[in-house]
Structures are given as structure tokens and as C-alpha cells.
Amino acid sequence: MEKQIDKKKLAIQFVLLFAIVSALGDVTYEGARSVYGTYLGFLGASAVSI
């Protein structure tokens, strides 16, 4: 009985950890995506060169 509870707890911790990593990756991606235009403008890139 004890091992079954440990496995269930471990599985829940794994799923929660995976969810947190996924959410942080999404925040990073969306944050970087929001500054692409500004950064390319800073570098002097135009719509034609992209």
C-alpha cells in the first residue's frame, strides 16, 4: 500500500514539474516573439530584407 502511494505522488510531481517547465518555456517564447520587431528595427532591418 505504501509503495502505491509513493508511485502516485511521484507521478503527480512529475506531471506538475512538466507543466511548470512547459509554462516557463511558453512565457519565454512569447516574450521573445513580442520583441522581434523592435530588435530587428534596432538592427536596421526592413520588411524587404526579412
N, C-alpha and C. Protein backbone atom coordinates (compact mmCIF):
# COMPACT_ATOMS: atom_id res chain seq x y z
N MET A 1 0.83 -1.19 0.00
CA MET A 1 0.00 0.00 0.00
C MET A 1 0.87 1.25 0.00
N GLU A 2 1.94 1.21 0.74
CA GLU A 2 2.85 2.37 0.85
C GLU A 2 3.52 2.69 -0.48
N LYS A 3 3.92 1.65 -1.22
CA LYS A 3 4.60 1.86 -2.50
C LYS A 3 3.65 2.45 -3.53
N GLN A 4 2.38 2.06 -3.48
CA GLN A 4 1.40 2.58 -4.43
C GLN A 4 1.20 4.08 -4.20
N ILE A 5 1.16 4.50 -2.97
CA ILE A 5 1.01 5.92 -2.65
C ILE A 5 2.24 6.69 -3.10
N ASP A 6 3.43 6.12 -2.92
CA ASP A 6 4.66 6.77 -3.35
C ASP A 6 4.70 6.92 -4.87
N LYS A 7 4.27 5.91 -5.60
CA LYS A 7 4.25 5.98 -7.06
C LYS A 7 3.27 7.04 -7.53
N LYS A 8 2.12 7.11 -6.89
CA LYS A 8 1.11 8.10 -7.26
C LYS A 8 1.63 9.52 -6.99
N LYS A 9 2.27 9.70 -5.86
CA LYS A 9 2.82 11.00 -5.51
C LYS A 9 3.93 11.39 -6.49
N LEU A 10 4.77 10.44 -6.84
CA LEU A 10 5.85 10.69 -7.79
C LEU A 10 5.30 11.06 -9.16
N ALA A 11 4.25 10.38 -9.59
CA ALA A 11 3.63 10.67 -10.88
C ALA A 11 3.03 12.07 -10.89
N ILE A 12 2.37 12.46 -9.82
CA ILE A 12 1.78 13.80 -9.74
C ILE A 12 2.87 14.86 -9.74
N GLN A 13 3.95 14.62 -9.02
CA GLN A 13 5.06 15.58 -9.00
C GLN A 13 5.68 15.73 -10.39
N PHE A 14 5.82 14.63 -11.11
CA PHE A 14 6.38 14.67 -12.46
C PHE A 14 5.49 15.49 -13.39
N VAL A 15 4.19 15.25 -13.34
CA VAL A 15 3.26 15.98 -14.20
C VAL A 15 3.30 17.47 -13.86
N LEU A 16 3.32 17.82 -12.59
CA LEU A 16 3.36 19.23 -12.20
C LEU A 16 4.68 19.88 -12.62
N LEU A 17 5.77 19.19 -12.48
CA LEU A 17 7.06 19.72 -12.90
C LEU A 17 7.08 19.94 -14.41
N PHE A 18 6.56 18.99 -15.15
CA PHE A 18 6.49 19.13 -16.61
C PHE A 18 5.62 20.31 -17.00
N ALA A 19 4.52 20.52 -16.29
CA ALA A 19 3.63 21.65 -16.57
C ALA A 19 4.32 22.98 -16.30
N ILE A 20 5.09 23.05 -15.23
CA ILE A 20 5.80 24.29 -14.90
C ILE A 20 6.87 24.59 -15.95
N VAL A 21 7.62 23.58 -16.34
CA VAL A 21 8.65 23.76 -17.37
C VAL A 21 8.02 24.20 -18.69
N SER A 22 6.90 23.59 -19.03
CA SER A 22 6.20 23.95 -20.26
C SER A 22 5.70 25.39 -20.20
N ALA A 23 5.14 25.80 -19.08
CA ALA A 23 4.64 27.17 -18.94
C ALA A 23 5.78 28.18 -19.02
N LEU A 24 6.91 27.90 -18.40
CA LEU A 24 8.05 28.81 -18.46
C LEU A 24 8.61 28.89 -19.88
N GLY A 25 8.63 27.79 -20.59
CA GLY A 25 9.06 27.80 -21.98
C GLY A 25 8.13 28.63 -22.84
N ASP A 26 6.84 28.53 -22.60
CA ASP A 26 5.86 29.31 -23.36
C ASP A 26 6.01 30.81 -23.06
N VAL A 27 6.22 31.15 -21.82
CA VAL A 27 6.42 32.56 -21.46
C VAL A 27 7.67 33.11 -22.13
N THR A 28 8.73 32.34 -22.14
CA THR A 28 9.97 32.77 -22.79
C THR A 28 9.77 32.95 -24.29
N TYR A 29 9.11 32.01 -24.92
CA TYR A 29 8.87 32.08 -26.36
C TYR A 29 8.01 33.30 -26.71
N GLU A 30 6.92 33.49 -25.99
CA GLU A 30 6.03 34.61 -26.30
C GLU A 30 6.69 35.94 -25.98
N GLY A 31 7.50 35.99 -24.95
CA GLY A 31 8.22 37.22 -24.63
C GLY A 31 9.23 37.58 -25.70
N ALA A 32 9.94 36.59 -26.19
CA ALA A 32 10.92 36.84 -27.25
C ALA A 32 10.21 37.22 -28.54
N ARG A 33 9.10 36.58 -28.80
CA ARG A 33 8.36 36.87 -30.04
C ARG A 33 7.84 38.31 -30.05
N SER A 34 7.52 38.83 -28.88
CA SER A 34 6.97 40.19 -28.82
C SER A 34 8.02 41.26 -29.08
N VAL A 35 9.29 40.93 -28.97
CA VAL A 35 10.33 41.95 -29.19
C VAL A 35 11.08 41.77 -30.50
N TYR A 36 10.70 40.78 -31.30
CA TYR A 36 11.39 40.57 -32.58
C TYR A 36 11.37 41.81 -33.45
N GLY A 37 10.21 42.41 -33.62
CA GLY A 37 10.10 43.58 -34.48
C GLY A 37 10.95 44.73 -34.01
N THR A 38 10.91 45.01 -32.72
CA THR A 38 11.71 46.08 -32.15
C THR A 38 13.20 45.81 -32.32
N TYR A 39 13.59 44.58 -32.06
CA TYR A 39 15.01 44.22 -32.17
C TYR A 39 15.49 44.32 -33.62
N LEU A 40 14.70 43.81 -34.55
CA LEU A 40 15.09 43.90 -35.95
C LEU A 40 15.12 45.36 -36.42
N GLY A 41 14.19 46.18 -35.92
CA GLY A 41 14.22 47.61 -36.23
C GLY A 41 15.47 48.26 -35.68
N PHE A 42 15.87 47.86 -34.49
CA PHE A 42 17.09 48.39 -33.88
C PHE A 42 18.32 48.03 -34.72
N LEU A 43 18.30 46.84 -35.30
CA LEU A 43 19.41 46.40 -36.14
C LEU A 43 19.39 47.05 -37.54
N GLY A 44 18.27 47.71 -37.85
CA GLY A 44 18.17 48.39 -39.14
C GLY A 44 17.57 47.53 -40.23
N ALA A 45 16.95 46.41 -39.87
CA ALA A 45 16.35 45.54 -40.87
C ALA A 45 15.01 46.12 -41.33
N SER A 46 14.74 46.02 -42.59
CA SER A 46 13.45 46.46 -43.12
C SER A 46 12.61 45.26 -43.50
N ALA A 47 11.35 45.50 -43.84
CA ALA A 47 10.47 44.40 -44.20
C ALA A 47 10.96 43.71 -45.48
N VAL A 48 11.60 44.45 -46.36
CA VAL A 48 12.09 43.88 -47.60
C VAL A 48 13.24 42.90 -47.32
N SER A 49 14.11 43.22 -46.39
CA SER A 49 15.27 42.35 -46.11
C SER A 49 14.88 41.10 -45.34
N ILE A 50 13.75 41.13 -44.68
CA ILE A 50 13.32 39.95 -43.93
C ILE A 50 12.63 39.01 -44.87
